[in-house]
Protein backbone atom coordinates (compact mmCIF):
# COMPACT_ATOMS: atom_id res chain seq x y z
CA UNK A 1 -0.30 12.70 12.38
CA UNK A 2 -1.74 11.85 9.00
CA UNK A 3 -2.14 8.18 8.02
CA UNK A 4 -1.87 7.33 4.30
CA UNK A 5 -1.78 4.08 2.36
CA UNK A 6 1.00 2.82 0.02
CA UNK A 7 -1.21 2.91 -3.10
CA UNK A 8 -0.76 4.56 -6.49
CA UNK A 9 -4.16 6.26 -6.60
CA UNK A 10 -5.25 9.64 -5.27
CA UNK A 11 -5.72 10.03 -1.52
CA UNK A 12 -7.41 12.89 0.33
CA UNK A 13 -5.26 15.06 2.56
CA UNK A 14 -6.85 17.61 4.88
CA UNK A 15 -5.34 20.14 7.30
CA UNK A 16 -5.83 23.59 8.84
CA UNK A 17 -3.01 25.86 7.71
CA UNK A 18 -1.91 29.34 8.74
CA UNK A 19 -3.19 30.70 5.42
CA UNK A 20 -6.26 30.07 3.28
CA UNK A 21 -4.26 29.01 0.22
CA UNK A 22 -1.65 26.35 -0.45
CA UNK A 23 0.34 25.85 -3.64
CA UNK A 24 2.45 22.75 -2.91
CA UNK A 25 3.62 20.31 -0.28
CA UNK A 26 7.04 18.83 0.40
CA UNK A 27 7.46 15.29 1.70
CA UNK A 28 10.74 14.22 3.27
CA UNK A 29 11.31 10.52 3.89
CA UNK A 30 12.80 10.17 7.38
CA UNK A 31 14.56 6.90 6.57
CA UNK A 32 16.59 7.87 3.52
CA UNK A 33 16.25 11.68 3.78
CA UNK A 34 14.91 12.20 0.25
CA UNK A 35 12.52 15.03 -0.47
CA UNK A 36 9.81 15.35 -3.11
CA UNK A 37 7.60 18.35 -3.94
CA UNK A 38 3.98 17.73 -4.94
CA UNK A 39 2.02 20.52 -6.61
CA UNK A 40 -1.74 20.23 -6.36
CA UNK A 41 -5.02 22.09 -6.27
CA UNK A 42 -6.04 22.83 -2.70
CA UNK A 43 -9.56 23.98 -1.83
CA UNK A 44 -10.76 25.68 1.35
CA UNK A 45 -13.68 23.94 3.03
CA UNK A 46 -14.79 25.20 6.47
CA UNK A 47 -11.27 26.14 7.64
CA UNK A 48 -9.71 22.98 6.16
CA UNK A 49 -7.46 22.96 3.12
CA UNK A 50 -8.17 19.75 1.21
CA UNK A 51 -6.60 18.14 -1.83
CA UNK A 52 -6.75 14.80 -3.57
CA UNK A 53 -3.15 13.90 -4.43
CA UNK A 54 -1.16 10.89 -5.63
CA UNK A 55 1.68 9.99 -3.28
CA UNK A 56 4.62 7.61 -3.80
CA UNK A 57 4.92 6.22 -0.28
CA UNK A 58 6.56 3.10 1.13
CA UNK A 59 4.97 0.81 3.73
CA UNK A 60 5.98 1.42 7.36
CA UNK A 61 7.80 4.70 6.81
CA UNK A 62 7.42 8.13 8.36
CA UNK A 63 7.44 11.30 6.27
CA UNK A 64 7.69 14.97 7.24
CA UNK A 65 5.06 17.07 5.48
CA UNK A 66 5.55 20.78 4.87
CA UNK A 67 2.71 22.71 3.20
CA UNK A 68 3.76 25.82 1.31
CA UNK A 69 2.02 28.91 0.00
CA UNK A 70 4.63 30.02 -2.51
CA UNK A 71 7.78 29.90 -0.37
CA UNK A 72 6.03 30.50 2.97
CA UNK A 73 5.49 27.52 5.26
CA UNK A 74 1.86 27.36 6.37
CA UNK A 75 1.66 23.89 7.95
CA UNK A 76 3.90 21.06 9.19
CA UNK A 77 2.93 17.55 10.13
CA UNK A 78 4.09 13.94 10.09
CA UNK A 79 2.75 11.21 7.77
CA UNK A 80 2.83 7.50 8.48
CA UNK A 81 2.31 5.04 5.63
CA UNK A 82 0.54 1.74 6.37
CA UNK A 83 -1.73 -0.65 4.52
CA UNK A 84 -3.39 -1.77 7.77
CA UNK A 85 -6.63 -0.17 8.87
CA UNK A 86 -6.03 2.44 11.55
CA UNK A 87 -8.35 0.86 14.13
CA UNK A 88 -6.64 -2.55 13.75
CA UNK A 89 -3.06 -1.26 13.46
CA UNK A 90 -0.40 -3.02 15.46
CA UNK A 91 3.33 -2.53 15.22
CA UNK A 92 3.85 -6.27 15.82
CA UNK A 93 1.68 -7.50 12.93
CA UNK A 94 3.26 -10.65 11.43
CA UNK A 95 6.41 -10.11 13.52
CA UNK A 96 5.64 -11.12 17.10
CA UNK A 97 3.68 -14.20 18.12
CA UNK A 98 2.31 -14.22 21.66
CA UNK A 99 2.47 -17.50 23.55
CA UNK A 100 -0.41 -18.14 25.91
CA UNK A 101 0.09 -19.38 29.44
CA UNK A 102 -2.15 -20.07 32.40
CA UNK A 103 0.27 -18.37 34.85
CA UNK A 104 0.19 -21.20 37.38
CA UNK A 105 2.68 -20.67 40.16
CA UNK A 106 3.20 -22.07 43.63
CA UNK A 107 4.04 -20.01 46.70
CA UNK A 108 5.53 -21.60 49.80
């Protein structure tokens, strides 16, 4: 899974495809089933295809990524969009508040 941020500037994407060249990627939003094609310049760097692309992503959504070389699919993956740092990510951020307790109980 690839983690990207909901920002309007270029972000680096990196993957190992079935071919050494890639011409475009397709992103399909899983929530509203819309698809967008992004054409970019991909470079090969020690088996990885890398590109710096601008994405229009929404916070908290999953996207299906399909990398294409012409019309041939060379890679598939899932993208998750979040503004939280990956090491601190929690699905309950600002939603769930934990109540502390001392767990005192009496057995008879």
